[in-house]
Protein backbone atom coordinates (compact mmCIF):
# COMPACT_ATOMS: atom_id res chain seq x y z
CA MET A 1 -19.37 1.99 -13.25
CA GLY A 2 -17.67 -0.16 -10.65
CA SER A 3 -15.27 0.72 -7.85
CA LEU A 4 -11.72 -0.25 -6.96
CA PHE A 5 -11.49 -1.25 -3.31
CA ASN A 6 -8.59 -1.68 -0.94
CA PHE A 7 -9.08 -5.32 0.08
CA TYR A 8 -6.92 -6.17 3.08
CA LEU A 9 -6.79 -9.95 3.50
CA PRO A 10 -3.97 -10.99 5.86
CA TYR A 11 -2.51 -14.46 5.47
CA LYS A 12 -2.02 -14.80 9.25
CA ASP A 13 -4.56 -14.63 12.06
CA GLU A 14 -4.19 -12.47 15.17
CA SER A 15 -2.14 -15.21 16.85
CA GLY A 16 0.35 -15.28 13.99
CA ASN A 17 -0.85 -18.59 12.57
CA ASN A 18 -1.13 -18.95 8.80
CA LEU A 19 -4.68 -18.87 7.47
CA SER A 20 -5.51 -21.72 5.13
CA SER A 21 -6.02 -21.04 1.44
CA PHE A 22 -9.68 -21.99 1.87
CA ASP A 23 -10.16 -19.54 4.75
CA GLN A 24 -8.72 -16.76 2.61
CA ALA A 25 -10.85 -17.85 -0.36
CA LEU A 26 -13.98 -17.78 1.80
CA ALA A 27 -13.18 -14.20 2.82
CA ILE A 28 -12.94 -13.21 -0.86
CA ILE A 29 -16.22 -14.98 -1.61
CA ALA A 30 -17.97 -13.26 1.29
CA GLU A 31 -16.82 -9.86 0.04
CA ALA A 32 -17.93 -10.68 -3.50
CA GLN A 33 -21.36 -11.81 -2.31
CA LYS A 34 -21.79 -8.59 -0.34
CA LEU A 35 -20.91 -6.38 -3.31
CA ILE A 36 -23.10 -8.34 -5.73
CA SER A 37 -26.01 -8.17 -3.28
CA ILE A 38 -25.91 -4.37 -3.42
CA GLY A 39 -25.82 -4.14 -7.19
CA SER A 40 -22.34 -4.95 -8.48
CA SER A 41 -22.29 -6.52 -11.96
CA GLY A 42 -19.48 -8.77 -10.80
CA VAL A 43 -16.30 -8.81 -8.72
CA ALA A 44 -12.68 -9.30 -9.76
CA ILE A 45 -9.68 -9.70 -7.48
CA THR A 46 -6.18 -8.64 -8.47
CA TYR A 47 -3.66 -11.46 -8.66
CA SER A 48 0.11 -11.50 -9.13
CA ALA A 49 0.57 -13.75 -12.16
CA ASN A 50 3.23 -15.02 -14.49
CA TYR A 51 2.65 -14.47 -18.19
CA ALA A 52 1.45 -18.02 -18.88
CA GLN A 53 -1.17 -17.68 -16.13
CA THR A 54 -2.30 -14.32 -17.49
CA VAL A 55 -2.81 -15.77 -20.97
CA THR A 56 -4.71 -18.79 -19.62
CA ILE A 57 -6.96 -16.67 -17.40
CA HIS A 58 -7.96 -14.37 -20.26
CA GLN A 59 -8.48 -17.25 -22.70
CA THR A 60 -10.73 -18.97 -20.17
CA TYR A 61 -12.98 -15.96 -19.71
CA GLU A 62 -13.03 -15.11 -23.43
CA SER A 63 -14.24 -18.64 -24.19
CA GLY A 64 -17.16 -18.23 -21.80
CA HIS A 65 -15.80 -20.52 -19.11
CA TRP A 66 -15.11 -19.59 -15.50
CA ASN A 67 -12.58 -22.12 -14.12
CA THR A 68 -9.05 -20.97 -14.99
CA ASN A 69 -7.41 -23.88 -13.11
CA THR A 70 -4.91 -21.48 -11.59
CA SER A 71 -2.62 -23.36 -9.22
CA GLY A 72 0.58 -22.92 -7.28
CA ALA A 73 1.63 -21.50 -3.92
CA ASN A 74 0.65 -18.41 -1.92
CA GLN A 75 -1.89 -16.30 -3.86
CA ALA A 76 -2.23 -19.01 -6.51
CA ALA A 77 -3.29 -21.53 -3.87
CA VAL A 78 -5.98 -19.12 -2.69
CA MET A 79 -7.25 -18.68 -6.27
CA GLN A 80 -7.32 -22.46 -6.67
CA ALA A 81 -9.34 -22.80 -3.45
CA MET A 82 -11.69 -20.01 -4.54
CA GLU A 83 -12.45 -21.74 -7.84
CA SER A 84 -12.88 -25.07 -6.07
CA LEU A 85 -15.53 -23.51 -3.82
CA MET A 86 -17.19 -21.91 -6.85
CA GLY A 87 -17.46 -25.37 -8.37
CA GLY A 88 -19.61 -26.50 -5.45
CA LYS A 89 -21.48 -24.57 -2.78
CA TYR A 90 -20.84 -21.17 -4.36
CA SER A 91 -21.72 -22.04 -7.95
CA THR A 92 -23.84 -18.88 -8.28
CA LEU A 93 -20.58 -16.92 -8.42
CA GLN A 94 -19.42 -18.64 -11.59
CA ARG A 95 -18.81 -15.90 -14.20
CA ARG A 96 -19.48 -13.25 -11.55
CA LEU A 97 -16.26 -13.63 -9.58
CA GLN A 98 -13.10 -13.43 -11.64
CA ILE A 99 -9.34 -13.18 -11.32
CA ALA A 100 -7.78 -9.93 -12.60
CA PRO A 101 -4.16 -10.93 -13.30
CA ILE A 102 -1.29 -8.47 -13.29
CA THR A 103 1.84 -9.97 -14.81
CA THR A 104 4.41 -9.22 -12.13
CA MET A 105 6.63 -12.25 -12.64
CA THR A 106 9.49 -11.96 -15.12
CA TYR A 107 9.16 -14.31 -18.08
CA SER A 108 11.35 -15.35 -21.00
CA ASP A 109 8.84 -14.62 -23.78
CA TYR A 110 5.91 -12.20 -23.66
CA GLY A 111 4.51 -13.17 -27.06
CA GLY A 112 6.40 -10.47 -28.93
CA ARG A 113 5.56 -7.75 -26.43
CA THR A 114 7.61 -6.16 -23.67
CA HIS A 115 6.88 -6.78 -20.01
CA GLN A 116 5.63 -3.21 -19.65
CA GLN A 117 3.25 -3.60 -22.59
CA VAL A 118 1.81 -6.74 -21.01
CA VAL A 119 1.28 -4.95 -17.68
CA GLU A 120 -0.35 -2.02 -19.48
CA SER A 121 -2.74 -4.49 -21.10
CA ASP A 122 -3.47 -6.05 -17.69
CA LEU A 123 -4.32 -2.64 -16.27
CA GLU A 124 -6.50 -1.82 -19.28
CA TYR A 125 -8.47 -5.00 -18.61
CA ILE A 126 -9.09 -3.89 -15.04
CA LYS A 127 -10.33 -0.55 -16.39
CA PHE A 128 -12.61 -2.43 -18.80
CA LEU A 129 -14.14 -4.37 -15.91
CA LEU A 130 -14.67 -1.17 -13.92
CA ASP A 131 -16.35 0.46 -16.92
CA GLN A 132 -18.68 -2.55 -17.16
CA GLY A 133 -19.84 -2.06 -13.57
CA TRP A 134 -17.60 -4.67 -11.98
CA ASP A 135 -16.00 -3.97 -8.62
CA VAL A 136 -12.30 -4.77 -8.27
CA LEU A 137 -10.65 -5.85 -5.03
CA GLY A 138 -7.06 -4.57 -4.75
CA TRP A 139 -5.65 -7.50 -2.81
CA GLN A 140 -3.27 -6.56 0.03
CA ASN A 141 -2.06 -9.24 2.43
CA GLN A 142 0.64 -7.50 4.48
CA SER A 143 0.19 -4.52 6.78
CA SER A 144 3.54 -3.03 5.75
CA ILE A 145 2.56 -2.44 2.13
CA PRO A 146 0.13 -0.08 0.44
CA GLY A 147 -3.52 -0.79 -0.22
CA TYR A 148 -3.13 -1.52 -3.91
CA ALA A 149 0.12 -3.48 -3.78
CA ILE A 150 0.32 -6.55 -5.97
CA GLY A 151 1.58 -9.92 -4.82
CA GLY A 152 2.25 -8.83 -1.26
CA GLY A 153 5.27 -6.82 -2.33
CA ILE A 154 7.12 -10.08 -3.01
CA ALA A 155 7.59 -9.91 -6.78
CA THR A 156 10.80 -8.25 -7.94
CA LEU A 157 10.00 -5.78 -10.68
CA PRO A 158 11.82 -2.99 -12.48
CA ARG A 159 10.99 0.22 -10.68
CA GLU A 160 9.24 1.76 -13.70
CA ILE A 161 6.85 -1.20 -13.97
CA ASN A 162 6.12 -1.30 -10.25
CA THR A 163 5.46 2.44 -10.28
CA LEU A 164 3.19 2.03 -13.31
CA ILE A 165 1.12 -0.56 -11.45
CA GLN A 166 0.87 1.44 -8.23
CA THR A 167 0.09 4.80 -9.79
CA THR A 168 -2.43 3.39 -12.27
CA LEU A 169 -4.35 1.50 -9.60
CA ALA A 170 -4.25 4.56 -7.36
CA LYS A 171 -5.73 6.60 -10.21
CA TYR A 172 -8.45 4.00 -10.74
CA ALA A 173 -9.23 4.21 -7.03
CA ILE A 174 -9.93 7.92 -7.52
CA ASP A 175 -11.67 7.73 -10.91
CA TYR A 176 -13.78 4.71 -9.95
CA THR A 177 -14.74 5.62 -6.45
CA SER A 178 -17.42 4.91 -3.88
CA ASP A 179 -18.18 6.15 -0.39
CA ALA A 180 -15.88 3.45 0.98
CA LEU A 181 -12.96 4.63 -1.13
CA SER A 182 -13.38 8.24 -0.03
CA GLU A 183 -12.49 7.25 3.51
CA PRO A 184 -9.18 8.75 4.68
CA ILE A 185 -6.18 6.58 5.49
CA LYS A 186 -5.58 6.54 9.23
CA PHE A 187 -2.29 5.26 10.60
CA TYR A 188 -0.38 5.09 13.86
CA HIS A 189 0.73 1.61 14.97
CA LEU A 190 3.60 -0.08 13.15
CA ASN A 191 1.85 -3.47 13.03
CA LYS A 192 -1.31 -2.10 11.44
CA PRO A 193 -2.03 -1.25 7.78
CA TYR A 194 -0.02 1.79 6.66
CA GLY A 195 2.30 1.49 9.65
CA PHE A 196 5.14 2.47 7.32
CA PHE A 197 3.92 6.08 7.56
CA SER A 198 5.00 6.15 11.22
CA ASN A 199 8.32 7.84 11.97
CA PHE A 200 9.09 4.79 14.10
CA ALA A 201 9.11 2.55 10.99
CA PRO A 202 12.59 1.00 10.55
CA TYR A 203 13.69 2.85 7.43
CA PRO A 204 17.15 4.46 7.77
CA ILE A 205 17.71 7.84 6.13
CA HIS A 206 20.89 9.54 4.97
CA LEU A 207 21.09 13.23 5.93
CA LYS A 208 23.92 15.52 7.02
CA ASP A 209 26.51 12.94 5.90
CA ARG A 210 25.23 10.43 8.43
CA ILE A 211 22.87 7.48 8.58
CA TRP A 212 19.91 7.85 10.94
CA PRO A 213 18.15 4.59 11.93
CA THR A 214 14.69 6.14 11.51
CA SER A 215 13.15 9.49 10.64
CA GLU A 216 12.26 9.75 14.35
CA HIS A 217 15.96 9.61 15.28
CA TYR A 218 16.72 12.44 12.88
CA PHE A 219 13.79 14.62 13.92
CA GLN A 220 14.45 14.32 17.66
CA ALA A 221 18.20 14.84 17.28
CA GLN A 222 17.73 18.12 15.43
CA LYS A 223 16.31 19.62 18.61
CA PHE A 224 19.91 19.67 19.82
CA VAL A 225 21.80 20.33 16.59
CA ASN A 226 25.58 20.73 16.87
CA THR A 227 25.66 19.47 20.46
CA PRO A 228 26.70 16.06 21.86
CA HIS A 229 22.99 15.32 22.41
CA GLU A 230 22.47 15.15 18.65
CA GLU A 231 24.83 12.20 18.25
CA GLU A 232 23.59 10.53 21.45
CA ILE A 233 20.08 10.45 20.03
CA ARG A 234 21.32 9.18 16.66
CA GLN A 235 22.87 6.27 18.54
CA ALA A 236 19.62 5.42 20.38
CA LYS A 237 18.81 1.72 20.06
CA THR A 238 15.17 2.25 19.08
CA ALA A 239 12.96 4.98 17.69
CA ARG A 240 11.00 5.01 20.94
CA GLU A 241 14.19 5.58 22.92
CA ALA A 242 15.15 8.41 20.54
CA ALA A 243 11.72 9.99 21.07
CA GLU A 244 12.02 9.78 24.84
CA MET A 245 15.49 11.34 24.74
CA GLY A 246 14.29 14.15 22.49
CA ARG A 247 11.35 14.93 24.77
CA ASP A 248 13.52 15.06 27.88
CA ARG A 249 13.46 18.73 28.82
CA ARG A 250 16.60 18.34 30.89
CA ARG A 251 18.33 18.59 27.52
CA PRO A 252 18.80 22.17 26.20
CA LEU A 253 16.22 22.59 23.40
CA ARG A 254 17.38 24.89 20.60
CA ARG A 255 15.69 28.29 20.77
CA ASP A 256 14.23 28.28 17.28
CA TRP A 257 12.73 24.80 17.49
CA GLU A 258 9.08 25.83 17.31
CA ILE A 259 9.87 27.87 14.21
CA ILE A 260 11.79 25.23 12.29
CA LYS A 261 10.32 21.92 13.49
CA ASP A 262 7.94 21.58 10.53
CA ASP A 263 10.83 22.08 8.11
CA VAL A 264 12.87 19.43 9.93
CA MET A 265 10.00 16.96 9.66
CA ARG A 266 9.51 17.87 6.00
CA GLU A 267 13.18 17.16 5.32
CA ALA A 268 13.06 13.82 7.15
CA LEU A 269 9.92 12.64 5.36
CA TYR A 270 11.21 13.52 1.90
CA ALA A 271 14.44 11.63 2.61
CA LYS A 272 12.54 8.61 3.91
CA PHE A 273 10.13 8.33 0.99
CA THR A 274 12.68 8.99 -1.75
CA GLN A 275 15.63 6.99 -0.44
CA HIS A 276 13.58 3.77 -0.27
CA PRO A 277 11.99 2.85 -3.65
CA ASP A 278 9.40 0.62 -1.98
CA LEU A 279 8.24 3.56 0.14
CA THR A 280 8.08 5.79 -2.93
CA GLU A 281 5.69 3.30 -4.49
CA LYS A 282 3.69 2.95 -1.30
CA ILE A 283 3.06 6.64 -0.79
CA LEU A 284 2.17 7.16 -4.46
CA SER A 285 -0.25 4.23 -4.29
CA THR A 286 -2.45 6.20 -1.88
CA GLY A 287 -3.51 8.52 -4.70
CA ASP A 288 -5.14 11.64 -3.31
CA LEU A 289 -6.60 10.05 -0.19
CA THR A 290 -6.29 12.05 3.01
CA LEU A 291 -3.56 10.78 5.35
CA ILE A 292 -4.21 11.07 9.08
CA GLU A 293 -2.05 10.19 12.07
CA HIS A 294 -4.87 8.94 14.28
CA THR A 295 -3.94 9.08 17.97
CA ASN A 296 -5.18 10.45 21.26
CA ASN A 297 -1.59 11.19 22.23
CA ASP A 298 -0.86 14.16 19.97
CA ARG A 299 -2.96 17.11 18.89
CA TYR A 300 -0.23 18.76 16.83
CA TRP A 301 1.31 16.00 14.73
CA GLY A 302 -1.81 13.81 15.03
CA ASP A 303 -5.58 14.29 14.94
CA GLY A 304 -6.01 14.13 18.71
CA GLY A 305 -8.10 10.98 18.35
CA ASP A 306 -11.31 12.93 17.73
CA GLY A 307 -10.35 14.74 14.53
CA THR A 308 -9.82 18.13 16.14
CA GLY A 309 -6.01 17.93 16.14
CA LEU A 310 -3.89 19.62 13.48
CA ASN A 311 -2.66 16.33 11.93
CA MET A 312 0.54 18.07 10.88
CA LEU A 313 2.32 14.78 10.18
CA GLY A 314 -0.48 13.75 7.84
CA GLN A 315 -0.39 17.13 6.13
CA LEU A 316 3.36 16.94 5.58
CA LEU A 317 3.06 13.38 4.25
CA MET A 318 0.50 14.54 1.70
CA GLU A 319 2.81 17.41 0.77
CA THR A 320 5.66 14.91 0.38
CA ARG A 321 3.46 12.71 -1.81
CA GLU A 322 2.69 15.64 -4.08
CA ARG A 323 6.36 16.62 -4.26
CA ILE A 324 7.36 13.08 -5.24
CA ARG A 325 4.58 12.97 -7.82
CA TYR A 326 5.96 16.18 -9.31
CA ASP A 327 9.45 14.68 -9.34
CA PHE A 328 8.18 11.75 -11.40
CA SER A 329 6.20 13.92 -13.81
CA SER A 330 9.18 16.20 -14.44
CA GLY A 331 11.59 13.29 -14.89
CA GLN A 332 13.68 14.01 -11.80
């Protein structure tokens, strides 16, 4: 049995310069070589495909060949570079490194099937590979999207199909696991993977008949509910400014704050992750992995940096994830 891995491969370097398709392809090849060297039957990488590409890729492998001749821009260019390298220096990876297409691009004719049926077939093929002992790399190339996102979050899909992809891959990540996949998800900085979990992330929420620029604005403002300070904090230019205003003890903190602060955070998180469909998909894509706000700066909301903190934000995020999962299962 293989494993489904979160494979984070950014398309920009630390200086913000675009990485070439060949540089990205070499990173995929290096990961594949590592996994094969420790016993993997083969390695497949998820790829956001149109229907014609999906058909061609499967026909190529079914005929016993390895070069699908995938071409195009973005991910396609990386796949093209990968196969070019496999045709030369890395020929030992032929038939052991494959593309696992997921048909995310809308198409005029799906061969008599619906788009959802095609995607279900794509996901079944990934399951087949996992059952055969192949490892699958869930390709993520942007820090603002979840670990098993497809196509960098660029493809526009009906919500039900996007949710199908995210939840199925998240389930595979649990069912086909390894020590690496049991690692918790740690987040804190906005510009790092899973930065969208931060309350500073720029996702407005609608609560109390008003729009709050971030969940941080709402949380901090509720310390001074029904006072002018509440609106002043809502108007703060940034989440950091809102946080600083809320922590200013020259403002009169409501007496019951310590009692109700968890409920306020719970309310803000549920609004954030249900009012933005992309965030709904992102949080569900984490499956049952532990979520941890990893910071030295907070021992209540975070883990304290050494794991001894309460990690209350992480706990409430996991609670929110379970609540949203229940909403989906009950048709809400």
